[in-house]
C-alpha atoms as a PDB file:
ATOM      1  CA  MET A   1       7.395  -3.655 -12.098  1.00  0.00           C
ATOM      2  CA  THR A   2       4.600  -3.391  -9.444  1.00  0.00           C
ATOM      3  CA  LEU A   3       1.768  -1.336  -8.184  1.00  0.00           C
ATOM      4  CA  ALA A   4       1.253  -0.595  -4.506  1.00  0.00           C
ATOM      5  CA  LEU A   5      -1.078   1.455  -2.202  1.00  0.00           C
ATOM      6  CA  LEU A   6      -0.138   2.766   1.085  1.00  0.00           C
ATOM      7  CA  HIS A   7      -2.599   4.131   3.695  1.00  0.00           C
ATOM      8  CA  VAL A   8      -2.114   5.841   7.353  1.00  0.00           C
ATOM      9  CA  HIS A   9      -4.886   7.001   9.580  1.00  0.00           C
ATOM     10  CA  PRO A  10      -3.133   9.747  11.391  1.00  0.00           C
ATOM     11  CA  GLU A  11      -5.581   9.840  14.144  1.00  0.00           C
ATOM     12  CA  THR A  12      -5.534   6.119  15.223  1.00  0.00           C
ATOM     13  CA  GLY A  13      -2.207   5.112  14.077  1.00  0.00           C
ATOM     14  CA  SER A  14      -3.723   2.337  11.848  1.00  0.00           C
ATOM     15  CA  VAL A  15      -1.701   1.798   8.551  1.00  0.00           C
ATOM     16  CA  ALA A  16      -1.928  -0.536   5.564  1.00  0.00           C
ATOM     17  CA  SER A  17      -0.110  -1.651   2.700  1.00  0.00           C
ATOM     18  CA  LEU A  18      -1.133  -3.229  -0.489  1.00  0.00           C
ATOM     19  CA  ALA A  19       0.978  -4.642  -3.549  1.00  0.00           C
ATOM     20  CA  ALA A  20       0.386  -6.566  -6.712  1.00  0.00           C
ATOM     21  CA  THR A  21       2.718  -7.747  -9.534  1.00  0.00           C
ATOM     22  CA  GLY A  22       3.036  -9.714 -12.633  1.00  0.00           C
ATOM     23  CA  SER A  23       5.701 -11.843 -11.093  1.00  0.00           C
ATOM     24  CA  VAL A  24       6.027 -14.253  -8.142  1.00  0.00           C
ATOM     25  CA  ALA A  25       5.696 -13.452  -4.323  1.00  0.00           C
ATOM     26  CA  VAL A  26       5.214  -9.736  -4.182  1.00  0.00           C
ATOM     27  CA  GLY A  27       4.433  -9.747  -0.430  1.00  0.00           C
ATOM     28  CA  GLY A  28       8.021 -10.968   0.435  1.00  0.00           C
ATOM     29  CA  TYR A  29       9.473  -7.995  -0.959  1.00  0.00           C
ATOM     30  CA  VAL A  30       7.518  -4.958  -1.655  1.00  0.00           C
ATOM     31  CA  ASN A  31       5.008  -3.794   0.865  1.00  0.00           C
ATOM     32  CA  HIS A  32       5.790  -2.881   4.470  1.00  0.00           C
ATOM     33  CA  CYS A  33       3.883  -0.972   7.266  1.00  0.00           C
ATOM     34  CA  TRP A  34       4.379  -0.090  10.881  1.00  0.00           C
ATOM     35  CA  ARG A  35       1.460   0.932  13.102  1.00  0.00           C
ATOM     36  CA  GLY A  36       1.886   4.532  14.434  1.00  0.00           C
ATOM     37  CA  LEU A  37       4.747   5.005  12.410  1.00  0.00           C
ATOM     38  CA  GLY A  38       4.088   4.680   8.519  1.00  0.00           C
ATOM     39  CA  ALA A  39       4.720   2.506   5.455  1.00  0.00           C
ATOM     40  CA  CYS A  40       6.902   1.755   2.543  1.00  0.00           C
ATOM     41  CA  ALA A  41       6.587   0.126  -0.815  1.00  0.00           C
ATOM     42  CA  THR A  42       9.897  -0.594  -2.442  1.00  0.00           C
ATOM     43  CA  GLN A  43       9.423  -1.751  -6.105  1.00  0.00           C
ATOM     44  CA  GLY A  44      10.737  -0.697  -9.609  1.00  0.00           C
ATOM     45  CA  LEU A  45      12.999  -2.267 -12.245  1.00  0.00           C
ATOM     46  CA  VAL A  46      14.859  -3.873  -9.406  1.00  0.00           C
ATOM     47  CA  THR A  47      13.699  -3.773  -5.882  1.00  0.00           C
ATOM     48  CA  ASN A  48      16.080  -2.665  -3.071  1.00  0.00           C
ATOM     49  CA  PRO A  49      15.089  -4.852   0.006  1.00  0.00           C
ATOM     50  CA  TRP A  50      17.225  -2.581   2.384  1.00  0.00           C
ATOM     51  CA  TYR A  51      14.946   0.600   1.817  1.00  0.00           C
ATOM     52  CA  PRO A  52      12.185  -0.430   4.149  1.00  0.00           C
ATOM     53  CA  GLU A  53      14.603  -0.977   7.069  1.00  0.00           C
ATOM     54  CA  GLY A  54      16.245   2.399   6.476  1.00  0.00           C
ATOM     55  CA  VAL A  55      12.903   4.226   5.891  1.00  0.00           C
ATOM     56  CA  LYS A  56      11.690   2.965   9.178  1.00  0.00           C
ATOM     57  CA  ARG A  57      14.731   3.977  11.001  1.00  0.00           C
ATOM     58  CA  GLY A  58      14.274   7.494   9.675  1.00  0.00           C
ATOM     59  CA  LEU A  59      10.634   7.610  10.566  1.00  0.00           C
ATOM     60  CA  GLU A  60      11.434   6.583  14.126  1.00  0.00           C
ATOM     61  CA  ARG A  61      13.865   9.381  14.251  1.00  0.00           C
ATOM     62  CA  GLY A  62      11.045  11.900  13.541  1.00  0.00           C
ATOM     63  CA  LEU A  63      11.785  12.461   9.662  1.00  0.00           C
ATOM     64  CA  GLU A  64       9.014  13.229   7.415  1.00  0.00           C
ATOM     65  CA  ALA A  65       8.326  10.728   4.656  1.00  0.00           C
ATOM     66  CA  ARG A  66      10.312  12.977   2.051  1.00  0.00           C
ATOM     67  CA  ASP A  67      13.417  13.139   4.255  1.00  0.00           C
ATOM     68  CA  ALA A  68      13.413   9.315   5.124  1.00  0.00           C
ATOM     69  CA  LEU A  69      13.150   8.526   1.531  1.00  0.00           C
ATOM     70  CA  ASP A  70      15.646  10.882   0.300  1.00  0.00           C
ATOM     71  CA  GLU A  71      18.169   9.463   2.797  1.00  0.00           C
ATOM     72  CA  MET A  72      17.858   6.064   1.240  1.00  0.00           C
ATOM     73  CA  VAL A  73      17.954   7.247  -2.519  1.00  0.00           C
ATOM     74  CA  ALA A  74      21.103   9.398  -1.647  1.00  0.00           C
ATOM     75  CA  GLY A  75      22.873   6.246  -0.497  1.00  0.00           C
ATOM     76  CA  ASP A  76      21.841   4.016  -3.438  1.00  0.00           C
ATOM     77  CA  ALA A  77      24.077   3.877  -6.332  1.00  0.00           C
ATOM     78  CA  ASP A  78      21.389   2.157  -8.419  1.00  0.00           C
ATOM     79  CA  ALA A  79      18.514   4.754  -7.361  1.00  0.00           C
ATOM     80  CA  THR A  80      17.752   5.227 -11.057  1.00  0.00           C
ATOM     81  CA  ARG A  81      16.202   1.506 -11.173  1.00  0.00           C
ATOM     82  CA  ARG A  82      14.215   2.063  -8.079  1.00  0.00           C
ATOM     83  CA  GLN A  83      10.599   3.198  -7.278  1.00  0.00           C
ATOM     84  CA  CYS A  84       9.815   3.675  -3.624  1.00  0.00           C
ATOM     85  CA  LEU A  85       6.595   4.996  -1.970  1.00  0.00           C
ATOM     86  CA  VAL A  86       6.697   6.218   1.651  1.00  0.00           C
ATOM     87  CA  MET A  87       4.046   7.615   4.010  1.00  0.00           C
ATOM     88  CA  ASP A  88       4.594   8.839   7.353  1.00  0.00           C
ATOM     89  CA  ALA A  89       2.420   8.966  10.667  1.00  0.00           C
ATOM     90  CA  ALA A  90       0.799  12.139   9.604  1.00  0.00           C
ATOM     91  CA  GLY A  91      -0.198  10.846   6.173  1.00  0.00           C
ATOM     92  CA  ARG A  92       2.258  12.597   4.217  1.00  0.00           C
ATOM     93  CA  ALA A  93       3.407  10.751   1.117  1.00  0.00           C
ATOM     94  CA  ALA A  94       6.649  10.836  -0.738  1.00  0.00           C
ATOM     95  CA  LEU A  95       7.779   9.079  -4.093  1.00  0.00           C
ATOM     96  CA  HIS A  96      10.942   8.359  -5.808  1.00  0.00           C
ATOM     97  CA  THR A  97      10.761   6.974  -9.392  1.00  0.00           C
ATOM     98  CA  GLY A  98      14.146   6.440 -10.938  1.00  0.00           C
ATOM     99  CA  THR A  99      14.649   7.208 -14.696  1.00  0.00           C
ATOM    100  CA  ASP A 100      15.414   3.619 -15.657  1.00  0.00           C
ATOM    101  CA  ASN A 101      12.068   2.398 -14.599  1.00  0.00           C
ATOM    102  CA  ARG A 102       9.715   1.136 -17.465  1.00  0.00           C
ATOM    103  CA  PRO A 103       6.634   2.870 -18.439  1.00  0.00           C
ATOM    104  CA  MET A 104       3.909   3.351 -17.851  1.00  0.00           C
ATOM    105  CA  VAL A 105       4.821   5.085 -14.705  1.00  0.00           C
ATOM    106  CA  ALA A 106       2.166   6.620 -12.623  1.00  0.00           C
ATOM    107  CA  ALA A 107       1.324   7.862  -9.131  1.00  0.00           C
ATOM    108  CA  ALA A 108      -1.540   9.458  -7.013  1.00  0.00           C
ATOM    109  CA  LEU A 109      -0.530  11.025  -3.753  1.00  0.00           C
ATOM    110  CA  TYR A 110      -2.936  12.326  -1.326  1.00  0.00           C
ATOM    111  CA  PRO A 111      -3.205  12.795   2.368  1.00  0.00           C
ATOM    112  CA  GLY A 112      -3.552   9.513   4.214  1.00  0.00           C
ATOM    113  CA  VAL A 113      -3.591   7.450   1.032  1.00  0.00           C
ATOM    114  CA  ALA A 114      -1.143   7.132  -1.933  1.00  0.00           C
ATOM    115  CA  ALA A 115      -0.514   4.708  -4.759  1.00  0.00           C
ATOM    116  CA  ALA A 116       2.134   4.268  -7.309  1.00  0.00           C
ATOM    117  CA  GLY A 117       3.344   1.885 -10.086  1.00  0.00           C
ATOM    118  CA  ASN A 118       5.578   1.073 -13.122  1.00  0.00           C
ATOM    119  CA  MET A 119       4.987  -1.202 -16.085  1.00  0.00           C
ATOM    120  CA  LEU A 120       1.356  -0.143 -15.774  1.00  0.00           C
ATOM    121  CA  ALA A 121      -1.338  -0.576 -18.704  1.00  0.00           C
ATOM    122  CA  GLY A 122      -2.350   2.906 -18.314  1.00  0.00           C
ATOM    123  CA  ALA A 123      -2.022   6.062 -16.353  1.00  0.00           C
ATOM    124  CA  THR A 124      -5.324   5.996 -14.595  1.00  0.00           C
ATOM    125  CA  VAL A 125      -4.220   2.841 -12.539  1.00  0.00           C
ATOM    126  CA  ALA A 126      -2.997   4.583  -9.414  1.00  0.00           C
ATOM    127  CA  GLU A 127      -5.818   7.269  -9.408  1.00  0.00           C
ATOM    128  CA  SER A 128      -8.328   4.413  -9.856  1.00  0.00           C
ATOM    129  CA  MET A 129      -7.006   2.570  -6.833  1.00  0.00           C
ATOM    130  CA  VAL A 130      -6.949   5.814  -4.384  1.00  0.00           C
ATOM    131  CA  ALA A 131     -10.494   6.688  -5.577  1.00  0.00           C
ATOM    132  CA  ALA A 132     -11.898   3.296  -4.736  1.00  0.00           C
ATOM    133  CA  PHE A 133     -10.120   3.086  -1.396  1.00  0.00           C
ATOM    134  CA  LEU A 134     -11.371   6.618  -0.255  1.00  0.00           C
ATOM    135  CA  ALA A 135     -14.947   5.753  -1.507  1.00  0.00           C
ATOM    136  CA  SER A 136     -14.798   2.692   0.807  1.00  0.00           C
ATOM    137  CA  THR A 137     -13.458   4.540   3.981  1.00  0.00           C
ATOM    138  CA  CYS A 138     -14.222   8.156   4.096  1.00  0.00           C
ATOM    139  CA  ASP A 139     -17.159  10.488   3.716  1.00  0.00           C
ATOM    140  CA  ASP A 140     -15.429  13.076   1.428  1.00  0.00           C
ATOM    141  CA  PRO A 141     -13.524  11.288  -1.334  1.00  0.00           C
ATOM    142  CA  GLY A 142     -14.270  13.993  -3.689  1.00  0.00           C
ATOM    143  CA  ALA A 143     -12.869  16.751  -1.520  1.00  0.00           C
ATOM    144  CA  VAL A 144      -9.518  14.844  -0.889  1.00  0.00           C
ATOM    145  CA  MET A 145      -9.035  14.032  -4.702  1.00  0.00           C
ATOM    146  CA  VAL A 146     -10.103  17.374  -5.995  1.00  0.00           C
ATOM    147  CA  ASP A 147      -8.967  19.674  -3.248  1.00  0.00           C
ATOM    148  CA  GLY A 148      -6.272  17.786  -1.527  1.00  0.00           C
ATOM    149  CA  GLY A 149      -8.323  17.935   1.687  1.00  0.00           C
ATOM    150  CA  VAL A 150      -7.770  15.625   4.790  1.00  0.00           C
ATOM    151  CA  PRO A 151      -9.830  12.487   4.557  1.00  0.00           C
ATOM    152  CA  ALA A 152     -12.831  12.193   7.018  1.00  0.00           C
ATOM    153  CA  PHE A 153     -12.448   8.578   7.906  1.00  0.00           C
ATOM    154  CA  ARG A 154     -15.576   6.869   9.076  1.00  0.00           C
ATOM    155  CA  GLU A 155     -15.998   5.269  12.561  1.00  0.00           C
ATOM    156  CA  THR A 156     -16.053   2.061  10.744  1.00  0.00           C
ATOM    157  CA  HIS A 157     -12.621   2.491   9.289  1.00  0.00           C
ATOM    158  CA  ASP A 158     -10.730  -0.380  10.805  1.00  0.00           C
ATOM    159  CA  ALA A 159     -13.377  -2.895  10.296  1.00  0.00           C
ATOM    160  CA  ALA A 160     -13.803  -1.910   6.603  1.00  0.00           C
ATOM    161  CA  LEU A 161     -10.139  -1.527   6.011  1.00  0.00           C
ATOM    162  CA  LEU A 162      -9.589  -5.111   4.717  1.00  0.00           C
ATOM    163  CA  ALA A 163     -12.556  -4.799   2.168  1.00  0.00           C
ATOM    164  CA  ALA A 164     -11.232  -1.422   1.171  1.00  0.00           C
ATOM    165  CA  LEU A 165      -7.884  -2.635   0.242  1.00  0.00           C
ATOM    166  CA  ILE A 166      -9.274  -5.394  -1.894  1.00  0.00           C
ATOM    167  CA  ASP A 167     -11.588  -2.869  -3.578  1.00  0.00           C
ATOM    168  CA  ALA A 168      -8.853  -0.766  -4.384  1.00  0.00           C
ATOM    169  CA  LEU A 169      -6.833  -3.599  -5.868  1.00  0.00           C
ATOM    170  CA  GLU A 170      -9.907  -4.642  -8.041  1.00  0.00           C
ATOM    171  CA  ALA A 171     -10.061  -0.852  -9.111  1.00  0.00           C
ATOM    172  CA  GLY A 172      -6.399  -0.783 -10.260  1.00  0.00           C
ATOM    173  CA  LEU A 173      -6.598  -4.105 -12.110  1.00  0.00           C
ATOM    174  CA  ALA A 174      -9.846  -3.003 -13.828  1.00  0.00           C
ATOM    175  CA  ALA A 175      -7.859   0.121 -14.959  1.00  0.00           C
ATOM    176  CA  GLY A 176      -5.193  -2.136 -16.320  1.00  0.00           C
ATOM    177  CA  GLY A 177      -2.914  -3.004 -13.586  1.00  0.00           C
ATOM    178  CA  ASP A 178       0.446  -4.263 -14.490  1.00  0.00           C
ATOM    179  CA  TYR A 179       0.508  -4.799 -18.364  1.00  0.00           C
ATOM    180  CA  ARG A 180       2.096  -8.241 -17.840  1.00  0.00           C
ATOM    181  CA  GLY A 181      -0.979  -9.302 -15.835  1.00  0.00           C
ATOM    182  CA  CYS A 182      -1.394  -9.852 -12.043  1.00  0.00           C
ATOM    183  CA  ARG A 183       0.265 -13.039 -10.641  1.00  0.00           C
ATOM    184  CA  SER A 184       0.816 -12.196  -7.003  1.00  0.00           C
ATOM    185  CA  VAL A 185      -1.037  -9.782  -4.503  1.00  0.00           C
ATOM    186  CA  ALA A 186      -0.312  -9.020  -0.749  1.00  0.00           C
ATOM    187  CA  LEU A 187      -1.625  -6.660   1.881  1.00  0.00           C
ATOM    188  CA  ARG A 188      -0.710  -5.873   5.348  1.00  0.00           C
ATOM    189  CA  ILE A 189      -2.843  -3.919   8.144  1.00  0.00           C
ATOM    190  CA  GLU A 190      -1.446  -2.948  11.460  1.00  0.00           C
ATOM    191  CA  SER A 191      -3.171  -1.202  14.307  1.00  0.00           C
ATOM    192  CA  PHE A 192      -3.267  -0.581  17.903  1.00  0.00           C
ATOM    193  CA  ALA A 193      -6.745  -2.005  18.132  1.00  0.00           C
ATOM    194  CA  MET A 194      -6.379  -5.517  16.666  1.00  0.00           C
ATOM    195  CA  ALA A 195      -3.685  -8.021  15.717  1.00  0.00           C
ATOM    196  CA  PRO A 196      -2.024  -7.647  12.327  1.00  0.00           C
ATOM    197  CA  ILE A 197      -3.363  -9.061   9.163  1.00  0.00           C
ATOM    198  CA  ASP A 198      -0.903 -10.258   6.599  1.00  0.00           C
ATOM    199  CA  LEU A 199      -2.617 -11.856   3.607  1.00  0.00           C
ATOM    200  CA  ARG A 200      -0.628 -13.134   0.512  1.00  0.00           C
ATOM    201  CA  VAL A 201      -1.227 -14.888  -2.727  1.00  0.00           C
ATOM    202  CA  ASP A 202       2.047 -15.738  -4.026  1.00  0.00           C
ATOM    203  CA  TRP A 203       1.044 -17.082  -7.553  1.00  0.00           C
ATOM    204  CA  VAL A 204      -2.248 -17.212  -9.269  1.00  0.00           C
ATOM    205  CA  GLU A 205      -3.004 -18.074 -12.909  1.00  0.00           C
ATOM    206  CA  ALA A 206      -6.509 -16.745 -12.839  1.00  0.00           C
ATOM    207  CA  ASP A 207      -8.273 -14.148 -10.643  1.00  0.00           C
ATOM    208  CA  PRO A 208      -5.992 -12.596  -7.915  1.00  0.00           C
ATOM    209  CA  VAL A 209      -8.992 -10.505  -6.366  1.00  0.00           C
ATOM    210  CA  ALA A 210     -10.941 -13.605  -6.050  1.00  0.00           C
ATOM    211  CA  GLU A 211      -8.190 -15.310  -4.411  1.00  0.00           C
ATOM    212  CA  LEU A 212      -7.581 -12.543  -1.965  1.00  0.00           C
ATOM    213  CA  ARG A 213     -11.322 -12.119  -1.168  1.00  0.00           C
ATOM    214  CA  ALA A 214     -11.474 -15.838  -0.283  1.00  0.00           C
ATOM    215  CA  LEU A 215      -8.669 -15.507   2.014  1.00  0.00           C
ATOM    216  CA  ALA A 216     -10.391 -12.368   3.540  1.00  0.00           C
ATOM    217  CA  ARG A 217     -13.606 -14.489   4.011  1.00  0.00           C
ATOM    218  CA  ARG A 218     -11.478 -17.054   5.997  1.00  0.00           C
ATOM    219  CA  VAL A 219      -9.944 -14.292   8.226  1.00  0.00           C
ATOM    220  CA  GLU A 220     -13.476 -12.972   8.940  1.00  0.00           C
ATOM    221  CA  GLU A 221     -14.829 -16.320  10.058  1.00  0.00           C
ATOM    222  CA  ALA A 222     -15.785 -16.389  13.728  1.00  0.00           C
ATOM    223  CA  ASP A 223     -13.048 -18.903  14.943  1.00  0.00           C
ATOM    224  CA  PHE A 224     -10.163 -16.867  13.192  1.00  0.00           C
ATOM    225  CA  GLN A 225     -11.507 -13.635  14.558  1.00  0.00           C
ATOM    226  CA  ALA A 226     -11.654 -15.281  18.147  1.00  0.00           C
ATOM    227  CA  PHE A 227      -8.061 -16.185  17.472  1.00  0.00           C
ATOM    228  CA  LEU A 228      -6.992 -12.644  16.557  1.00  0.00           C
ATOM    229  CA  CYS A 229      -8.955 -11.067  19.474  1.00  0.00           C
ATOM    230  CA  SER A 230      -7.076 -13.355  21.757  1.00  0.00           C
ATOM    231  CA  MET A 231      -3.694 -11.936  20.768  1.00  0.00           C
ATOM    232  CA  PRO A 232      -1.947  -9.012  22.464  1.00  0.00           C
ATOM    233  CA  HIS A 233      -2.519  -5.876  20.582  1.00  0.00           C
ATOM    234  CA  ARG A 234       0.566  -3.923  21.690  1.00  0.00           C
END
């Protein structure tokens, strides 16, 4: 009952995850990412909080996204109630959507960026999120979405990543988002060049994008940037 986006930059190891839902505290349960390794979004009719730990172990063993995800699904007696999106360090995406998930169910999987959701207001939500993200981060979004090419991420990628995630969220919600409305949002960014960024809006009655942008502005203020820069990066 959620929508999520995952991103991996294979050349730098930067990763990001974004999630939004019509219920409370999506950031506590859904989106997970690990720099240099990959990312996971566990959602669906009932979220399985153990998927991310198992997926991470699989990726650490060198499994591709598909195999790491399949291991978790195979051991889950209630896999028909899950939706799980995984991306590995090479930017390969894999998705499991169980048959008990409520429509609209949709996904958009491309090299380096993928989105998926359930209980969506329309089939274009996931594609809209990916299109907005690519437009903000790479020079060839059309080639990626039409031909499945590898994104040519800009040199400003890491600096623009926070804004790009929020742009993707805004696009997904404009396309309909969760048909119950959006009440909580979360994003996380991990890279080898900067301290992690982990932003969460656990409940909002009005505009989740505005709330998230307000948090982002505070992160970008000079005093907090100085704090981030003072932290060890590895």
